[in-house]
Amino acid sequence: MTYRGRAIPIAWKLLKHNSSAVGVKEIHPVLSSAYAFLCHLPEVEQVYFRADRGFMDRQLMVSVTGYGWKWAIRGKGQVYVYDAQGVALGQIRQHLSQHGEPVFLNDVYITQQHYGPVHLAIWHPPGARDPWFIVSNYPCSKDIFDEYAQRFQIEEGFLDLKSAGFDLESTHLRDTTALSGLIFLLALCSIFLFSEGASLVEEGERQTVDPHHHRVVGWNYSRQAAPQGRLSRSRIDQHRPVNPIAIAGVR
């Protein structure tokens, strides 16, 4: 679930695995848990589900549609497209515009199983390495590309778990049960931190916790300068007000 540019985990499953690729059978229980959780939140009126190519599976799309979610999944260019009469329209990638404009195909069917109707948004953004092939269960407009891009907020969450925040890897935990419990605690901690941060921003106190918002003497400078006697009073004074919380935040 995304909140203020961050992704908060609401369901997960840890696996002992030799590859980063996860099978569909492992994804289904996680989606089912997420659905059960969201059903108990009456304030949630509509769920928007965004996923990468690994979720481009007929049974997964059937399940997510059955949950009543609106979904958008990044598709594969070699997938075949068919119209309502079953006439083949070629592969998705063959519908890329030669002029760089987005192309939208509504109420079509995909894969050899003719799954659908679905809606396609096809575009190769200028300067992008790869084109975007987005499959959804609701009509697409150009806004679909910005909506789908919200999925990348999860990348910030990975950074928070690692070097930019909780430093999860330094625990060296290998037990899936222990790691799962730790992820739960970190999820709660993240919600608390996001809520506190949002409150401080609304109160105009962001500089008390965000060293990048109001630059002060950084931790790297202090660590290198102190042993050499270069951490002078004048150096500190020119950066006033110096906030110890902000300095600690850099570390």
C-alpha atoms as a PDB file:
ATOM      1  CA  MET A   1       0.000   0.000   0.000  1.00  0.00           C
ATOM      2  CA  THR A   2       1.481   3.372  -0.996  1.00  0.00           C
ATOM      3  CA  TYR A   3       1.514   6.395   1.274  1.00  0.00           C
ATOM      4  CA  ARG A   4       3.365   9.676   0.677  1.00  0.00           C
ATOM      5  CA  GLY A   5       5.782   8.166  -1.798  1.00  0.00           C
ATOM      6  CA  ARG A   6       6.462   5.024   0.216  1.00  0.00           C
ATOM      7  CA  ALA A   7       5.146   1.476   0.052  1.00  0.00           C
ATOM      8  CA  ILE A   8       3.882  -0.079   3.291  1.00  0.00           C
ATOM      9  CA  PRO A   9       3.703  -3.908   3.304  1.00  0.00           C
ATOM     10  CA  ILE A  10       0.331  -5.330   4.298  1.00  0.00           C
ATOM     11  CA  ALA A  11       0.947  -8.967   3.306  1.00  0.00           C
ATOM     12  CA  TRP A  12       4.078 -10.958   2.620  1.00  0.00           C
ATOM     13  CA  LYS A  13       5.606 -14.413   2.571  1.00  0.00           C
ATOM     14  CA  LEU A  14       9.290 -15.193   3.015  1.00  0.00           C
ATOM     15  CA  LEU A  15      10.788 -18.049   1.033  1.00  0.00           C
ATOM     16  CA  LYS A  16      14.057 -19.916   1.035  1.00  0.00           C
ATOM     17  CA  HIS A  17      14.821 -19.528  -2.620  1.00  0.00           C
ATOM     18  CA  ASN A  18      17.792 -19.708  -4.954  1.00  0.00           C
ATOM     19  CA  SER A  19      16.333 -17.167  -7.365  1.00  0.00           C
ATOM     20  CA  SER A  20      14.591 -13.806  -7.200  1.00  0.00           C
ATOM     21  CA  ALA A  21      11.869 -15.194  -9.482  1.00  0.00           C
ATOM     22  CA  VAL A  22       8.750 -16.333  -7.611  1.00  0.00           C
ATOM     23  CA  GLY A  23       6.166 -18.735  -8.981  1.00  0.00           C
ATOM     24  CA  VAL A  24       2.487 -17.953  -9.349  1.00  0.00           C
ATOM     25  CA  LYS A  25       1.559 -20.516  -6.690  1.00  0.00           C
ATOM     26  CA  GLU A  26       3.547 -18.506  -4.149  1.00  0.00           C
ATOM     27  CA  ILE A  27       1.901 -15.220  -5.133  1.00  0.00           C
ATOM     28  CA  HIS A  28      -1.719 -16.342  -4.717  1.00  0.00           C
ATOM     29  CA  PRO A  29      -1.656 -16.748  -0.893  1.00  0.00           C
ATOM     30  CA  VAL A  30      -0.144 -13.274  -0.475  1.00  0.00           C
ATOM     31  CA  LEU A  31      -2.820 -11.674  -2.637  1.00  0.00           C
ATOM     32  CA  SER A  32      -5.488 -13.576  -0.725  1.00  0.00           C
ATOM     33  CA  SER A  33      -4.106 -12.280   2.589  1.00  0.00           C
ATOM     34  CA  ALA A  34      -4.028  -8.715   1.257  1.00  0.00           C
ATOM     35  CA  TYR A  35      -7.631  -9.040   0.107  1.00  0.00           C
ATOM     36  CA  ALA A  36      -8.763 -10.347   3.509  1.00  0.00           C
ATOM     37  CA  PHE A  37      -6.983  -7.462   5.249  1.00  0.00           C
ATOM     38  CA  LEU A  38      -8.429  -4.768   2.983  1.00  0.00           C
ATOM     39  CA  CYS A  39     -11.943  -6.164   3.397  1.00  0.00           C
ATOM     40  CA  HIS A  40     -11.763  -5.102   7.053  1.00  0.00           C
ATOM     41  CA  LEU A  41     -11.043  -1.474   6.154  1.00  0.00           C
ATOM     42  CA  PRO A  42     -14.442   0.108   5.422  1.00  0.00           C
ATOM     43  CA  GLU A  43     -12.825   3.387   4.380  1.00  0.00           C
ATOM     44  CA  VAL A  44     -11.189   1.662   1.399  1.00  0.00           C
ATOM     45  CA  GLU A  45     -13.610   2.211  -1.473  1.00  0.00           C
ATOM     46  CA  GLN A  46     -11.444   1.052  -4.376  1.00  0.00           C
ATOM     47  CA  VAL A  47      -8.188  -0.872  -4.603  1.00  0.00           C
ATOM     48  CA  TYR A  48      -5.787  -0.184  -7.469  1.00  0.00           C
ATOM     49  CA  PHE A  49      -3.357  -3.015  -8.096  1.00  0.00           C
ATOM     50  CA  ARG A  50      -0.104  -2.380 -10.005  1.00  0.00           C
ATOM     51  CA  ALA A  51       2.317  -5.162 -10.896  1.00  0.00           C
ATOM     52  CA  ASP A  52       5.259  -5.986 -13.133  1.00  0.00           C
ATOM     53  CA  ARG A  53       5.624  -8.614 -15.848  1.00  0.00           C
ATOM     54  CA  GLY A  54       5.851 -11.449 -13.326  1.00  0.00           C
ATOM     55  CA  PHE A  55       2.120 -11.059 -12.656  1.00  0.00           C
ATOM     56  CA  MET A  56       1.208 -11.415 -16.321  1.00  0.00           C
ATOM     57  CA  ASP A  57      -0.634 -14.666 -15.678  1.00  0.00           C
ATOM     58  CA  ARG A  58      -4.185 -15.527 -16.643  1.00  0.00           C
ATOM     59  CA  GLN A  59      -5.162 -17.066 -13.312  1.00  0.00           C
ATOM     60  CA  LEU A  60      -3.694 -14.151 -11.380  1.00  0.00           C
ATOM     61  CA  MET A  61      -5.661 -11.678 -13.471  1.00  0.00           C
ATOM     62  CA  VAL A  62      -8.818 -13.715 -12.902  1.00  0.00           C
ATOM     63  CA  SER A  63      -8.220 -13.723  -9.132  1.00  0.00           C
ATOM     64  CA  VAL A  64      -7.501 -10.003  -8.860  1.00  0.00           C
ATOM     65  CA  THR A  65     -10.556  -9.195 -10.979  1.00  0.00           C
ATOM     66  CA  GLY A  66     -12.611 -11.406  -8.673  1.00  0.00           C
ATOM     67  CA  TYR A  67     -11.463  -9.300  -5.713  1.00  0.00           C
ATOM     68  CA  GLY A  68     -13.071  -6.284  -7.347  1.00  0.00           C
ATOM     69  CA  TRP A  69      -9.729  -4.522  -7.760  1.00  0.00           C
ATOM     70  CA  LYS A  70      -8.793  -2.308 -10.669  1.00  0.00           C
ATOM     71  CA  TRP A  71      -5.487  -3.588 -11.949  1.00  0.00           C
ATOM     72  CA  ALA A  72      -2.758  -2.544 -14.361  1.00  0.00           C
ATOM     73  CA  ILE A  73       0.040  -4.983 -15.165  1.00  0.00           C
ATOM     74  CA  ARG A  74       3.053  -4.387 -17.344  1.00  0.00           C
ATOM     75  CA  GLY A  75       2.750  -6.818 -20.215  1.00  0.00           C
ATOM     76  CA  LYS A  76       5.150  -8.536 -22.562  1.00  0.00           C
ATOM     77  CA  GLY A  77       5.552  -7.313 -26.116  1.00  0.00           C
ATOM     78  CA  GLN A  78       5.364 -10.766 -27.673  1.00  0.00           C
ATOM     79  CA  VAL A  79       1.878 -11.497 -26.290  1.00  0.00           C
ATOM     80  CA  TYR A  80      -0.745 -11.858 -29.031  1.00  0.00           C
ATOM     81  CA  VAL A  81      -3.853  -9.687 -29.214  1.00  0.00           C
ATOM     82  CA  TYR A  82      -7.290 -10.638 -30.577  1.00  0.00           C
ATOM     83  CA  ASP A  83     -10.475  -8.710 -31.222  1.00  0.00           C
ATOM     84  CA  ALA A  84     -13.926  -9.678 -29.947  1.00  0.00           C
ATOM     85  CA  GLN A  85     -14.475 -11.947 -32.958  1.00  0.00           C
ATOM     86  CA  GLY A  86     -11.248 -13.835 -32.291  1.00  0.00           C
ATOM     87  CA  VAL A  87      -9.341 -12.294 -35.183  1.00  0.00           C
ATOM     88  CA  ALA A  88      -5.616 -12.041 -34.460  1.00  0.00           C
ATOM     89  CA  LEU A  89      -4.306  -8.472 -34.333  1.00  0.00           C
ATOM     90  CA  GLY A  90      -0.652  -9.404 -34.023  1.00  0.00           C
ATOM     91  CA  GLN A  91       1.640  -9.037 -31.037  1.00  0.00           C
ATOM     92  CA  ILE A  92       1.338  -6.152 -28.594  1.00  0.00           C
ATOM     93  CA  ARG A  93       4.680  -4.699 -29.674  1.00  0.00           C
ATOM     94  CA  GLN A  94       3.506  -4.496 -33.284  1.00  0.00           C
ATOM     95  CA  HIS A  95       1.057  -1.765 -32.260  1.00  0.00           C
ATOM     96  CA  LEU A  96       3.758   0.695 -31.194  1.00  0.00           C
ATOM     97  CA  SER A  97       3.306   4.050 -32.892  1.00  0.00           C
ATOM     98  CA  GLN A  98       6.006   5.019 -35.378  1.00  0.00           C
ATOM     99  CA  HIS A  99       5.528   8.636 -34.283  1.00  0.00           C
ATOM    100  CA  GLY A 100       6.070   8.080 -30.563  1.00  0.00           C
ATOM    101  CA  GLU A 101       2.419   8.561 -29.636  1.00  0.00           C
ATOM    102  CA  PRO A 102       0.576   6.404 -27.076  1.00  0.00           C
ATOM    103  CA  VAL A 103      -1.717   3.772 -28.562  1.00  0.00           C
ATOM    104  CA  PHE A 104      -4.788   2.449 -26.741  1.00  0.00           C
ATOM    105  CA  LEU A 105      -6.667  -0.749 -27.572  1.00  0.00           C
ATOM    106  CA  ASN A 106      -9.899  -1.276 -25.653  1.00  0.00           C
ATOM    107  CA  ASP A 107     -11.966  -4.424 -25.213  1.00  0.00           C
ATOM    108  CA  VAL A 108      -9.462  -6.815 -26.724  1.00  0.00           C
ATOM    109  CA  TYR A 109      -8.319 -10.306 -25.760  1.00  0.00           C
ATOM    110  CA  ILE A 110      -4.807 -11.566 -25.083  1.00  0.00           C
ATOM    111  CA  THR A 111      -2.819 -14.822 -24.980  1.00  0.00           C
ATOM    112  CA  GLN A 112      -3.753 -18.041 -26.744  1.00  0.00           C
ATOM    113  CA  GLN A 113      -6.498 -18.530 -24.154  1.00  0.00           C
ATOM    114  CA  HIS A 114      -8.126 -15.291 -25.404  1.00  0.00           C
ATOM    115  CA  TYR A 115      -8.336 -13.807 -21.927  1.00  0.00           C
ATOM    116  CA  GLY A 116     -10.399 -10.656 -21.703  1.00  0.00           C
ATOM    117  CA  PRO A 117     -11.812  -8.288 -22.417  1.00  0.00           C
ATOM    118  CA  VAL A 118      -8.845  -6.186 -21.341  1.00  0.00           C
ATOM    119  CA  HIS A 119      -7.498  -2.786 -22.295  1.00  0.00           C
ATOM    120  CA  LEU A 120      -4.001  -2.030 -23.575  1.00  0.00           C
ATOM    121  CA  ALA A 121      -1.853   1.083 -23.321  1.00  0.00           C
ATOM    122  CA  ILE A 122       1.199   0.968 -25.594  1.00  0.00           C
ATOM    123  CA  TRP A 123       3.921   3.606 -25.640  1.00  0.00           C
ATOM    124  CA  HIS A 124       7.668   4.068 -25.975  1.00  0.00           C
ATOM    125  CA  PRO A 125       8.433   7.246 -23.973  1.00  0.00           C
ATOM    126  CA  PRO A 126      11.135   9.462 -25.515  1.00  0.00           C
ATOM    127  CA  GLY A 127      14.523   8.573 -24.072  1.00  0.00           C
ATOM    128  CA  ALA A 128      13.266   5.401 -22.366  1.00  0.00           C
ATOM    129  CA  ARG A 129      15.172   2.195 -22.963  1.00  0.00           C
ATOM    130  CA  ASP A 130      12.120  -0.043 -23.161  1.00  0.00           C
ATOM    131  CA  PRO A 131       8.554   0.530 -24.349  1.00  0.00           C
ATOM    132  CA  TRP A 132       5.635   0.257 -21.964  1.00  0.00           C
ATOM    133  CA  PHE A 133       2.954  -2.345 -22.602  1.00  0.00           C
ATOM    134  CA  ILE A 134       0.305  -1.986 -19.903  1.00  0.00           C
ATOM    135  CA  VAL A 135      -2.648  -4.353 -19.614  1.00  0.00           C
ATOM    136  CA  SER A 136      -5.587  -3.326 -17.434  1.00  0.00           C
ATOM    137  CA  ASN A 137      -9.154  -4.305 -16.660  1.00  0.00           C
ATOM    138  CA  TYR A 138     -10.469  -0.759 -17.100  1.00  0.00           C
ATOM    139  CA  PRO A 139     -10.355   1.641 -20.087  1.00  0.00           C
ATOM    140  CA  CYS A 140      -6.994   3.374 -20.504  1.00  0.00           C
ATOM    141  CA  SER A 141      -6.052   6.957 -21.178  1.00  0.00           C
ATOM    142  CA  LYS A 142      -2.670   8.663 -21.127  1.00  0.00           C
ATOM    143  CA  ASP A 143      -3.025   8.935 -17.331  1.00  0.00           C
ATOM    144  CA  ILE A 144      -2.467   5.182 -17.050  1.00  0.00           C
ATOM    145  CA  PHE A 145       1.288   5.654 -17.451  1.00  0.00           C
ATOM    146  CA  ASP A 146       1.504   8.025 -14.467  1.00  0.00           C
ATOM    147  CA  GLU A 147      -0.804   5.775 -12.480  1.00  0.00           C
ATOM    148  CA  TYR A 148       1.310   2.726 -13.207  1.00  0.00           C
ATOM    149  CA  ALA A 149       4.496   4.598 -12.292  1.00  0.00           C
ATOM    150  CA  GLN A 150       3.236   4.683  -8.688  1.00  0.00           C
ATOM    151  CA  ARG A 151       4.380   1.076  -8.500  1.00  0.00           C
ATOM    152  CA  PHE A 152       7.987   2.244  -8.393  1.00  0.00           C
ATOM    153  CA  GLN A 153       7.401   3.734  -4.937  1.00  0.00           C
ATOM    154  CA  ILE A 154       8.190   0.268  -3.649  1.00  0.00           C
ATOM    155  CA  GLU A 155      11.828   0.853  -4.635  1.00  0.00           C
ATOM    156  CA  GLU A 156      12.097   3.511  -1.914  1.00  0.00           C
ATOM    157  CA  GLY A 157      10.780   0.946   0.541  1.00  0.00           C
ATOM    158  CA  PHE A 158      13.568  -1.475  -0.377  1.00  0.00           C
ATOM    159  CA  LEU A 159      16.085   1.303   0.255  1.00  0.00           C
ATOM    160  CA  ASP A 160      14.475   2.066   3.629  1.00  0.00           C
ATOM    161  CA  LEU A 161      14.821  -1.570   4.647  1.00  0.00           C
ATOM    162  CA  LYS A 162      18.479  -1.611   3.655  1.00  0.00           C
ATOM    163  CA  SER A 163      21.194   1.031   3.683  1.00  0.00           C
ATOM    164  CA  ALA A 164      18.988   4.122   3.979  1.00  0.00           C
ATOM    165  CA  GLY A 165      17.079   2.985   7.024  1.00  0.00           C
ATOM    166  CA  PHE A 166      16.753  -0.211   9.010  1.00  0.00           C
ATOM    167  CA  ASP A 167      19.857  -1.933   7.577  1.00  0.00           C
ATOM    168  CA  LEU A 168      18.025  -5.252   7.498  1.00  0.00           C
ATOM    169  CA  GLU A 169      20.876  -7.136   5.852  1.00  0.00           C
ATOM    170  CA  SER A 170      23.181  -6.546   8.819  1.00  0.00           C
ATOM    171  CA  THR A 171      20.989  -8.810  10.981  1.00  0.00           C
ATOM    172  CA  HIS A 172      22.264 -11.821   8.975  1.00  0.00           C
ATOM    173  CA  LEU A 173      19.007 -13.609   9.763  1.00  0.00           C
ATOM    174  CA  ARG A 174      18.311 -16.675   7.638  1.00  0.00           C
ATOM    175  CA  ASP A 175      15.296 -18.109   9.430  1.00  0.00           C
ATOM    176  CA  THR A 176      12.132 -17.253   7.491  1.00  0.00           C
ATOM    177  CA  THR A 177       9.935 -17.182  10.615  1.00  0.00           C
ATOM    178  CA  ALA A 178      12.237 -14.760  12.406  1.00  0.00           C
ATOM    179  CA  LEU A 179      12.561 -12.570   9.330  1.00  0.00           C
ATOM    180  CA  SER A 180       8.808 -12.529   8.815  1.00  0.00           C
ATOM    181  CA  GLY A 181       8.289 -11.338  12.390  1.00  0.00           C
ATOM    182  CA  LEU A 182      10.938  -8.673  11.951  1.00  0.00           C
ATOM    183  CA  ILE A 183       9.298  -7.450   8.740  1.00  0.00           C
ATOM    184  CA  PHE A 184       6.042  -7.089  10.682  1.00  0.00           C
ATOM    185  CA  LEU A 185       7.739  -4.934  13.317  1.00  0.00           C
ATOM    186  CA  LEU A 186       9.453  -2.819  10.672  1.00  0.00           C
ATOM    187  CA  ALA A 187       6.128  -2.310   8.895  1.00  0.00           C
ATOM    188  CA  LEU A 188       4.596  -0.991  12.124  1.00  0.00           C
ATOM    189  CA  CYS A 189       7.641   1.173  12.717  1.00  0.00           C
ATOM    190  CA  SER A 190       7.396   2.559   9.184  1.00  0.00           C
ATOM    191  CA  ILE A 191       3.751   3.523   9.670  1.00  0.00           C
ATOM    192  CA  PHE A 192       4.687   5.330  12.891  1.00  0.00           C
ATOM    193  CA  LEU A 193       7.578   7.169  11.232  1.00  0.00           C
ATOM    194  CA  PHE A 194       5.505   8.183   8.204  1.00  0.00           C
ATOM    195  CA  SER A 195       2.720   9.466  10.455  1.00  0.00           C
ATOM    196  CA  GLU A 196       5.121  11.410  12.662  1.00  0.00           C
ATOM    197  CA  GLY A 197       6.923  12.819   9.641  1.00  0.00           C
ATOM    198  CA  ALA A 198       3.667  13.933   8.030  1.00  0.00           C
ATOM    199  CA  SER A 199       2.624  15.672  11.255  1.00  0.00           C
ATOM    200  CA  LEU A 200       5.959  17.491  11.539  1.00  0.00           C
ATOM    201  CA  VAL A 201       5.738  18.695   7.931  1.00  0.00           C
ATOM    202  CA  GLU A 202       2.222  20.012   8.531  1.00  0.00           C
ATOM    203  CA  GLU A 203       3.484  21.837  11.642  1.00  0.00           C
ATOM    204  CA  GLY A 204       6.389  23.394   9.738  1.00  0.00           C
ATOM    205  CA  GLU A 205       8.983  21.433  11.733  1.00  0.00           C
ATOM    206  CA  ARG A 206      10.472  19.350   8.936  1.00  0.00           C
ATOM    207  CA  GLN A 207      13.991  20.677   9.564  1.00  0.00           C
ATOM    208  CA  THR A 208      14.071  18.991  12.973  1.00  0.00           C
ATOM    209  CA  VAL A 209      14.193  15.541  11.391  1.00  0.00           C
ATOM    210  CA  ASP A 210      15.252  16.075   7.774  1.00  0.00           C
ATOM    211  CA  PRO A 211      18.869  17.227   7.404  1.00  0.00           C
ATOM    212  CA  HIS A 212      18.473  17.643   3.648  1.00  0.00           C
ATOM    213  CA  HIS A 213      15.702  20.193   4.073  1.00  0.00           C
ATOM    214  CA  HIS A 214      17.900  22.530   6.130  1.00  0.00           C
ATOM    215  CA  ARG A 215      21.587  21.807   5.615  1.00  0.00           C
ATOM    216  CA  VAL A 216      23.744  21.684   8.757  1.00  0.00           C
ATOM    217  CA  VAL A 217      27.147  20.214   9.586  1.00  0.00           C
ATOM    218  CA  GLY A 218      27.007  16.697   8.208  1.00  0.00           C
ATOM    219  CA  TRP A 219      28.056  13.504   9.943  1.00  0.00           C
ATOM    220  CA  ASN A 220      30.754  12.725   7.372  1.00  0.00           C
ATOM    221  CA  TYR A 221      32.377  16.132   7.854  1.00  0.00           C
ATOM    222  CA  SER A 222      32.199  15.854  11.652  1.00  0.00           C
ATOM    223  CA  ARG A 223      33.699  12.358  11.678  1.00  0.00           C
ATOM    224  CA  GLN A 224      36.652  13.367   9.508  1.00  0.00           C
ATOM    225  CA  ALA A 225      37.258  16.820  10.949  1.00  0.00           C
ATOM    226  CA  ALA A 226      37.068  16.137  14.693  1.00  0.00           C
ATOM    227  CA  PRO A 227      40.212  13.923  14.987  1.00  0.00           C
ATOM    228  CA  GLN A 228      42.184  16.509  13.016  1.00  0.00           C
ATOM    229  CA  GLY A 229      41.016  19.461  15.085  1.00  0.00           C
ATOM    230  CA  ARG A 230      39.210  21.031  12.134  1.00  0.00           C
ATOM    231  CA  LEU A 231      35.766  21.072  13.743  1.00  0.00           C
ATOM    232  CA  SER A 232      36.083  24.723  14.723  1.00  0.00           C
ATOM    233  CA  ARG A 233      33.535  26.914  16.415  1.00  0.00           C
ATOM    234  CA  SER A 234      33.406  29.194  13.365  1.00  0.00           C
ATOM    235  CA  ARG A 235      32.695  26.245  11.098  1.00  0.00           C
ATOM    236  CA  ILE A 236      29.713  25.293  13.218  1.00  0.00           C
ATOM    237  CA  ASP A 237      28.490  28.857  13.713  1.00  0.00           C
ATOM    238  CA  GLN A 238      28.123  29.540  10.012  1.00  0.00           C
ATOM    239  CA  HIS A 239      25.644  26.692   9.763  1.00  0.00           C
ATOM    240  CA  ARG A 240      23.440  27.746  12.646  1.00  0.00           C
ATOM    241  CA  PRO A 241      21.009  26.667  13.875  1.00  0.00           C
ATOM    242  CA  VAL A 242      22.757  23.331  14.450  1.00  0.00           C
ATOM    243  CA  ASN A 243      20.265  20.658  15.380  1.00  0.00           C
ATOM    244  CA  PRO A 244      21.656  17.505  17.025  1.00  0.00           C
ATOM    245  CA  ILE A 245      18.674  15.496  15.827  1.00  0.00           C
ATOM    246  CA  ALA A 246      19.349  16.554  12.244  1.00  0.00           C
ATOM    247  CA  ILE A 247      23.055  15.689  12.562  1.00  0.00           C
ATOM    248  CA  ALA A 248      22.178  12.265  13.947  1.00  0.00           C
ATOM    249  CA  GLY A 249      19.724  11.845  11.090  1.00  0.00           C
ATOM    250  CA  VAL A 250      22.564  12.034   8.574  1.00  0.00           C
ATOM    251  CA  ARG A 251      24.186   9.069  10.233  1.00  0.00           C
END
